[in-house]
Amino acid sequence: MIRPQDIGRGEEQHELFTANTGGKGKRLCHYDYRDEGGELFSCVKKTLEECREARDEWMGRRGK
């Protein structure tokens, strides 16, 4: 289980899980990242790579 309160600055956590949608299992990744300033980024995407891309876009929009 992901625990955002345990993430240090510049660290990430992720967890793969299966969501039951309409009787079908869908594999997803829950991702959390805490930046050097202490702000938390969190998302759910299909893959860890997609989560990291979203994190990079988030950081880019914030000028980090």
PDB file of N, CA and C in Angstrom:
ATOM      1  N   MET A   1       0.837  -1.183   0.000  1.00  0.00           N
ATOM      2  CA  MET A   1       0.000   0.000   0.000  1.00  0.00           C
ATOM      3  C   MET A   1       0.885   1.250   0.000  1.00  0.00           C
ATOM      4  N   ILE A   2       0.540   2.186  -0.849  1.00  0.00           N
ATOM      5  CA  ILE A   2       1.272   3.442  -0.928  1.00  0.00           C
ATOM      6  C   ILE A   2       0.923   4.302   0.277  1.00  0.00           C
ATOM      7  N   ARG A   3       1.967   4.885   0.855  1.00  0.00           N
ATOM      8  CA  ARG A   3       1.785   5.772   1.995  1.00  0.00           C
ATOM      9  C   ARG A   3       2.492   7.093   1.687  1.00  0.00           C
ATOM     10  N   PRO A   4       1.747   8.078   1.142  1.00  0.00           N
ATOM     11  CA  PRO A   4       2.358   9.351   0.752  1.00  0.00           C
ATOM     12  C   PRO A   4       3.117  10.029   1.888  1.00  0.00           C
ATOM     13  N   GLN A   5       2.668   9.842   3.101  1.00  0.00           N
ATOM     14  CA  GLN A   5       3.336  10.482   4.237  1.00  0.00           C
ATOM     15  C   GLN A   5       4.748   9.931   4.453  1.00  0.00           C
ATOM     16  N   ASP A   6       5.059   8.789   3.872  1.00  0.00           N
ATOM     17  CA  ASP A   6       6.378   8.177   4.025  1.00  0.00           C
ATOM     18  C   ASP A   6       7.348   8.542   2.897  1.00  0.00           C
ATOM     19  N   ILE A   7       6.882   9.300   1.905  1.00  0.00           N
ATOM     20  CA  ILE A   7       7.724   9.643   0.770  1.00  0.00           C
ATOM     21  C   ILE A   7       8.581  10.852   1.126  1.00  0.00           C
ATOM     22  N   GLY A   8       9.882  10.695   0.987  1.00  0.00           N
ATOM     23  CA  GLY A   8      10.802  11.802   1.222  1.00  0.00           C
ATOM     24  C   GLY A   8      10.879  12.702   0.000  1.00  0.00           C
ATOM     25  N   ARG A   9      11.506  13.841   0.161  1.00  0.00           N
ATOM     26  CA  ARG A   9      11.668  14.775  -0.952  1.00  0.00           C
ATOM     27  C   ARG A   9      12.524  14.144  -2.046  1.00  0.00           C
ATOM     28  N   GLY A  10      12.035  14.248  -3.282  1.00  0.00           N
ATOM     29  CA  GLY A  10      12.740  13.671  -4.419  1.00  0.00           C
ATOM     30  C   GLY A  10      12.537  12.167  -4.563  1.00  0.00           C
ATOM     31  N   GLU A  11      11.587  11.590  -3.806  1.00  0.00           N
ATOM     32  CA  GLU A  11      11.339  10.147  -3.856  1.00  0.00           C
ATOM     33  C   GLU A  11       9.990   9.853  -4.504  1.00  0.00           C
ATOM     34  N   GLU A  12       9.850   8.608  -4.968  1.00  0.00           N
ATOM     35  CA  GLU A  12       8.610   8.146  -5.576  1.00  0.00           C
ATOM     36  C   GLU A  12       8.198   6.807  -4.985  1.00  0.00           C
ATOM     37  N   GLN A  13       6.915   6.517  -5.099  1.00  0.00           N
ATOM     38  CA  GLN A  13       6.366   5.205  -4.751  1.00  0.00           C
ATOM     39  C   GLN A  13       5.361   4.854  -5.842  1.00  0.00           C
ATOM     40  N   HIS A  14       5.222   3.572  -6.106  1.00  0.00           N
ATOM     41  CA  HIS A  14       4.182   3.151  -7.031  1.00  0.00           C
ATOM     42  C   HIS A  14       3.664   1.779  -6.630  1.00  0.00           C
ATOM     43  N   GLU A  15       2.456   1.502  -7.094  1.00  0.00           N
ATOM     44  CA  GLU A  15       1.816   0.228  -6.789  1.00  0.00           C
ATOM     45  C   GLU A  15       0.950  -0.165  -7.980  1.00  0.00           C
ATOM     46  N   LEU A  16       1.126  -1.381  -8.438  1.00  0.00           N
ATOM     47  CA  LEU A  16       0.283  -1.910  -9.507  1.00  0.00           C
ATOM     48  C   LEU A  16      -0.923  -2.582  -8.871  1.00  0.00           C
ATOM     49  N   PHE A  17      -2.098  -2.384  -9.478  1.00  0.00           N
ATOM     50  CA  PHE A  17      -3.307  -2.997  -8.939  1.00  0.00           C
ATOM     51  C   PHE A  17      -4.268  -3.301 -10.080  1.00  0.00           C
ATOM     52  N   THR A  18      -5.263  -4.104  -9.789  1.00  0.00           N
ATOM     53  CA  THR A  18      -6.284  -4.448 -10.766  1.00  0.00           C
ATOM     54  C   THR A  18      -7.602  -3.837 -10.319  1.00  0.00           C
ATOM     55  N   ALA A  19      -8.172  -3.009 -11.180  1.00  0.00           N
ATOM     56  CA  ALA A  19      -9.462  -2.384 -10.906  1.00  0.00           C
ATOM     57  C   ALA A  19     -10.536  -3.177 -11.654  1.00  0.00           C
ATOM     58  N   ASN A  20     -11.594  -3.491 -10.984  1.00  0.00           N
ATOM     59  CA  ASN A  20     -12.700  -4.195 -11.624  1.00  0.00           C
ATOM     60  C   ASN A  20     -13.667  -3.180 -12.207  1.00  0.00           C
ATOM     61  N   THR A  21     -13.706  -3.129 -13.527  1.00  0.00           N
ATOM     62  CA  THR A  21     -14.579  -2.186 -14.213  1.00  0.00           C
ATOM     63  C   THR A  21     -15.512  -2.962 -15.122  1.00  0.00           C
ATOM     64  N   GLY A  22     -16.776  -2.939 -14.813  1.00  0.00           N
ATOM     65  CA  GLY A  22     -17.752  -3.647 -15.638  1.00  0.00           C
ATOM     66  C   GLY A  22     -17.527  -5.139 -15.686  1.00  0.00           C
ATOM     67  N   GLY A  23     -17.032  -5.707 -14.585  1.00  0.00           N
ATOM     68  CA  GLY A  23     -16.797  -7.141 -14.532  1.00  0.00           C
ATOM     69  C   GLY A  23     -15.471  -7.582 -15.130  1.00  0.00           C
ATOM     70  N   LYS A  24     -14.703  -6.639 -15.638  1.00  0.00           N
ATOM     71  CA  LYS A  24     -13.400  -6.958 -16.216  1.00  0.00           C
ATOM     72  C   LYS A  24     -12.301  -6.313 -15.380  1.00  0.00           C
ATOM     73  N   GLY A  25     -11.219  -7.044 -15.201  1.00  0.00           N
ATOM     74  CA  GLY A  25     -10.088  -6.508 -14.471  1.00  0.00           C
ATOM     75  C   GLY A  25      -9.214  -5.658 -15.382  1.00  0.00           C
ATOM     76  N   LYS A  26      -8.844  -4.475 -14.890  1.00  0.00           N
ATOM     77  CA  LYS A  26      -7.996  -3.573 -15.662  1.00  0.00           C
ATOM     78  C   LYS A  26      -6.771  -3.267 -14.822  1.00  0.00           C
ATOM     79  N   ARG A  27      -5.585  -3.555 -15.351  1.00  0.00           N
ATOM     80  CA  ARG A  27      -4.327  -3.348 -14.639  1.00  0.00           C
ATOM     81  C   ARG A  27      -3.928  -1.876 -14.699  1.00  0.00           C
ATOM     82  N   LEU A  28      -3.671  -1.276 -13.526  1.00  0.00           N
ATOM     83  CA  LEU A  28      -3.315   0.128 -13.439  1.00  0.00           C
ATOM     84  C   LEU A  28      -2.148   0.317 -12.482  1.00  0.00           C
ATOM     85  N   CYS A  29      -1.564   1.521 -12.526  1.00  0.00           N
ATOM     86  CA  CYS A  29      -0.457   1.867 -11.653  1.00  0.00           C
ATOM     87  C   CYS A  29      -0.813   3.149 -10.899  1.00  0.00           C
ATOM     88  N   HIS A  30      -0.751   3.103  -9.579  1.00  0.00           N
ATOM     89  CA  HIS A  30      -0.913   4.301  -8.732  1.00  0.00           C
ATOM     90  C   HIS A  30       0.487   4.782  -8.408  1.00  0.00           C
ATOM     91  N   TYR A  31       0.724   6.071  -8.624  1.00  0.00           N
ATOM     92  CA  TYR A  31       2.064   6.640  -8.508  1.00  0.00           C
ATOM     93  C   TYR A  31       2.032   7.915  -7.681  1.00  0.00           C
ATOM     94  N   ASP A  32       2.966   8.054  -6.763  1.00  0.00           N
ATOM     95  CA  ASP A  32       3.146   9.273  -5.978  1.00  0.00           C
ATOM     96  C   ASP A  32       4.600   9.707  -6.058  1.00  0.00           C
ATOM     97  N   TYR A  33       4.808  11.015  -6.130  1.00  0.00           N
ATOM     98  CA  TYR A  33       6.152  11.593  -6.146  1.00  0.00           C
ATOM     99  C   TYR A  33       6.131  12.873  -5.323  1.00  0.00           C
ATOM    100  N   ARG A  34       7.120  13.044  -4.458  1.00  0.00           N
ATOM    101  CA  ARG A  34       7.241  14.281  -3.688  1.00  0.00           C
ATOM    102  C   ARG A  34       8.445  15.048  -4.210  1.00  0.00           C
ATOM    103  N   ASP A  35       8.207  16.289  -4.656  1.00  0.00           N
ATOM    104  CA  ASP A  35       9.312  17.067  -5.226  1.00  0.00           C
ATOM    105  C   ASP A  35      10.224  17.602  -4.126  1.00  0.00           C
ATOM    106  N   GLU A  36      11.299  18.234  -4.544  1.00  0.00           N
ATOM    107  CA  GLU A  36      12.290  18.736  -3.586  1.00  0.00           C
ATOM    108  C   GLU A  36      11.712  19.809  -2.665  1.00  0.00           C
ATOM    109  N   GLY A  37      10.649  20.477  -3.113  1.00  0.00           N
ATOM    110  CA  GLY A  37      10.001  21.488  -2.294  1.00  0.00           C
ATOM    111  C   GLY A  37       8.970  20.914  -1.332  1.00  0.00           C
ATOM    112  N   GLY A  38       8.717  19.599  -1.442  1.00  0.00           N
ATOM    113  CA  GLY A  38       7.782  18.929  -0.549  1.00  0.00           C
ATOM    114  C   GLY A  38       6.380  18.755  -1.096  1.00  0.00           C
ATOM    115  N   GLU A  39       6.112  19.243  -2.332  1.00  0.00           N
ATOM    116  CA  GLU A  39       4.780  19.110  -2.912  1.00  0.00           C
ATOM    117  C   GLU A  39       4.585  17.704  -3.479  1.00  0.00           C
ATOM    118  N   LEU A  40       3.400  17.147  -3.266  1.00  0.00           N
ATOM    119  CA  LEU A  40       3.096  15.784  -3.687  1.00  0.00           C
ATOM    120  C   LEU A  40       2.384  15.769  -5.032  1.00  0.00           C
ATOM    121  N   PHE A  41       2.856  14.911  -5.935  1.00  0.00           N
ATOM    122  CA  PHE A  41       2.194  14.631  -7.208  1.00  0.00           C
ATOM    123  C   PHE A  41       1.679  13.210  -7.137  1.00  0.00           C
ATOM    124  N   SER A  42       0.441  12.990  -7.545  1.00  0.00           N
ATOM    125  CA  SER A  42      -0.149  11.660  -7.514  1.00  0.00           C
ATOM    126  C   SER A  42      -0.978  11.447  -8.770  1.00  0.00           C
ATOM    127  N   CYS A  43      -0.921  10.233  -9.328  1.00  0.00           N
ATOM    128  CA  CYS A  43      -1.746   9.925 -10.497  1.00  0.00           C
ATOM    129  C   CYS A  43      -1.965   8.418 -10.603  1.00  0.00           C
ATOM    130  N   VAL A  44      -2.902   8.050 -11.467  1.00  0.00           N
ATOM    131  CA  VAL A  44      -3.166   6.651 -11.808  1.00  0.00           C
ATOM    132  C   VAL A  44      -3.159   6.567 -13.325  1.00  0.00           C
ATOM    133  N   LYS A  45      -2.312   5.711 -13.860  1.00  0.00           N
ATOM    134  CA  LYS A  45      -2.194   5.512 -15.308  1.00  0.00           C
ATOM    135  C   LYS A  45      -2.071   4.017 -15.582  1.00  0.00           C
ATOM    136  N   LYS A  46      -1.978   3.647 -16.848  1.00  0.00           N
ATOM    137  CA  LYS A  46      -1.865   2.242 -17.223  1.00  0.00           C
ATOM    138  C   LYS A  46      -0.511   1.642 -16.866  1.00  0.00           C
ATOM    139  N   THR A  47       0.556   2.444 -16.978  1.00  0.00           N
ATOM    140  CA  THR A  47       1.898   1.921 -16.732  1.00  0.00           C
ATOM    141  C   THR A  47       2.707   2.891 -15.878  1.00  0.00           C
ATOM    142  N   LEU A  48       3.778   2.387 -15.299  1.00  0.00           N
ATOM    143  CA  LEU A  48       4.689   3.226 -14.525  1.00  0.00           C
ATOM    144  C   LEU A  48       5.320   4.278 -15.435  1.00  0.00           C
ATOM    145  N   GLU A  49       5.637   3.906 -16.658  1.00  0.00           N
ATOM    146  CA  GLU A  49       6.234   4.849 -17.600  1.00  0.00           C
ATOM    147  C   GLU A  49       5.295   6.018 -17.880  1.00  0.00           C
ATOM    148  N   GLU A  50       4.006   5.738 -18.048  1.00  0.00           N
ATOM    149  CA  GLU A  50       3.032   6.806 -18.273  1.00  0.00           C
ATOM    150  C   GLU A  50       2.932   7.716 -17.053  1.00  0.00           C
ATOM    151  N   CYS A  51       3.020   7.137 -15.857  1.00  0.00           N
ATOM    152  CA  CYS A  51       2.992   7.929 -14.626  1.00  0.00           C
ATOM    153  C   CYS A  51       4.191   8.865 -14.557  1.00  0.00           C
ATOM    154  N   ARG A  52       5.358   8.349 -14.888  1.00  0.00           N
ATOM    155  CA  ARG A  52       6.563   9.187 -14.851  1.00  0.00           C
ATOM    156  C   ARG A  52       6.512  10.285 -15.912  1.00  0.00           C
ATOM    157  N   GLU A  53       5.930   9.990 -17.072  1.00  0.00           N
ATOM    158  CA  GLU A  53       5.759  11.025 -18.093  1.00  0.00           C
ATOM    159  C   GLU A  53       4.835  12.128 -17.579  1.00  0.00           C
ATOM    160  N   ALA A  54       3.749  11.743 -16.905  1.00  0.00           N
ATOM    161  CA  ALA A  54       2.818  12.730 -16.337  1.00  0.00           C
ATOM    162  C   ALA A  54       3.515  13.562 -15.265  1.00  0.00           C
ATOM    163  N   ARG A  55       4.355  12.921 -14.452  1.00  0.00           N
ATOM    164  CA  ARG A  55       5.129  13.643 -13.437  1.00  0.00           C
ATOM    165  C   ARG A  55       6.060  14.659 -14.096  1.00  0.00           C
ATOM    166  N   ASP A  56       6.744  14.240 -15.151  1.00  0.00           N
ATOM    167  CA  ASP A  56       7.660  15.141 -15.846  1.00  0.00           C
ATOM    168  C   ASP A  56       6.920  16.333 -16.446  1.00  0.00           C
ATOM    169  N   GLU A  57       5.741  16.105 -16.998  1.00  0.00           N
ATOM    170  CA  GLU A  57       4.924  17.193 -17.535  1.00  0.00           C
ATOM    171  C   GLU A  57       4.501  18.138 -16.412  1.00  0.00           C
ATOM    172  N   TRP A  58       4.093  17.584 -15.274  1.00  0.00           N
ATOM    173  CA  TRP A  58       3.719  18.374 -14.104  1.00  0.00           C
ATOM    174  C   TRP A  58       4.864  19.247 -13.650  1.00  0.00           C
ATOM    175  N   MET A  59       6.051  18.660 -13.582  1.00  0.00           N
ATOM    176  CA  MET A  59       7.226  19.423 -13.163  1.00  0.00           C
ATOM    177  C   MET A  59       7.549  20.498 -14.198  1.00  0.00           C
ATOM    178  N   GLY A  60       7.412  20.181 -15.480  1.00  0.00           N
ATOM    179  CA  GLY A  60       7.690  21.141 -16.537  1.00  0.00           C
ATOM    180  C   GLY A  60       6.763  22.349 -16.488  1.00  0.00           C
ATOM    181  N   ARG A  61       5.481  22.105 -16.200  1.00  0.00           N
ATOM    182  CA  ARG A  61       4.515  23.197 -16.096  1.00  0.00           C
ATOM    183  C   ARG A  61       4.830  24.104 -14.909  1.00  0.00           C
ATOM    184  N   ARG A  62       5.504  23.562 -13.927  1.00  0.00           N
ATOM    185  CA  ARG A  62       5.823  24.315 -12.724  1.00  0.00           C
ATOM    186  C   ARG A  62       7.237  24.923 -12.794  1.00  0.00           C
ATOM    187  N   GLY A  63       7.903  24.688 -13.927  1.00  0.00           N
ATOM    188  CA  GLY A  63       9.231  25.255 -14.121  1.00  0.00           C
ATOM    189  C   GLY A  63      10.320  24.559 -13.306  1.00  0.00           C
ATOM    190  N   LYS A  64      10.124  23.279 -13.031  1.00  0.00           N
ATOM    191  CA  LYS A  64      11.108  22.522 -12.233  1.00  0.00           C
ATOM    192  C   LYS A  64      11.980  21.674 -13.129  1.00  0.00           C
TER     193      LYS A  64
END
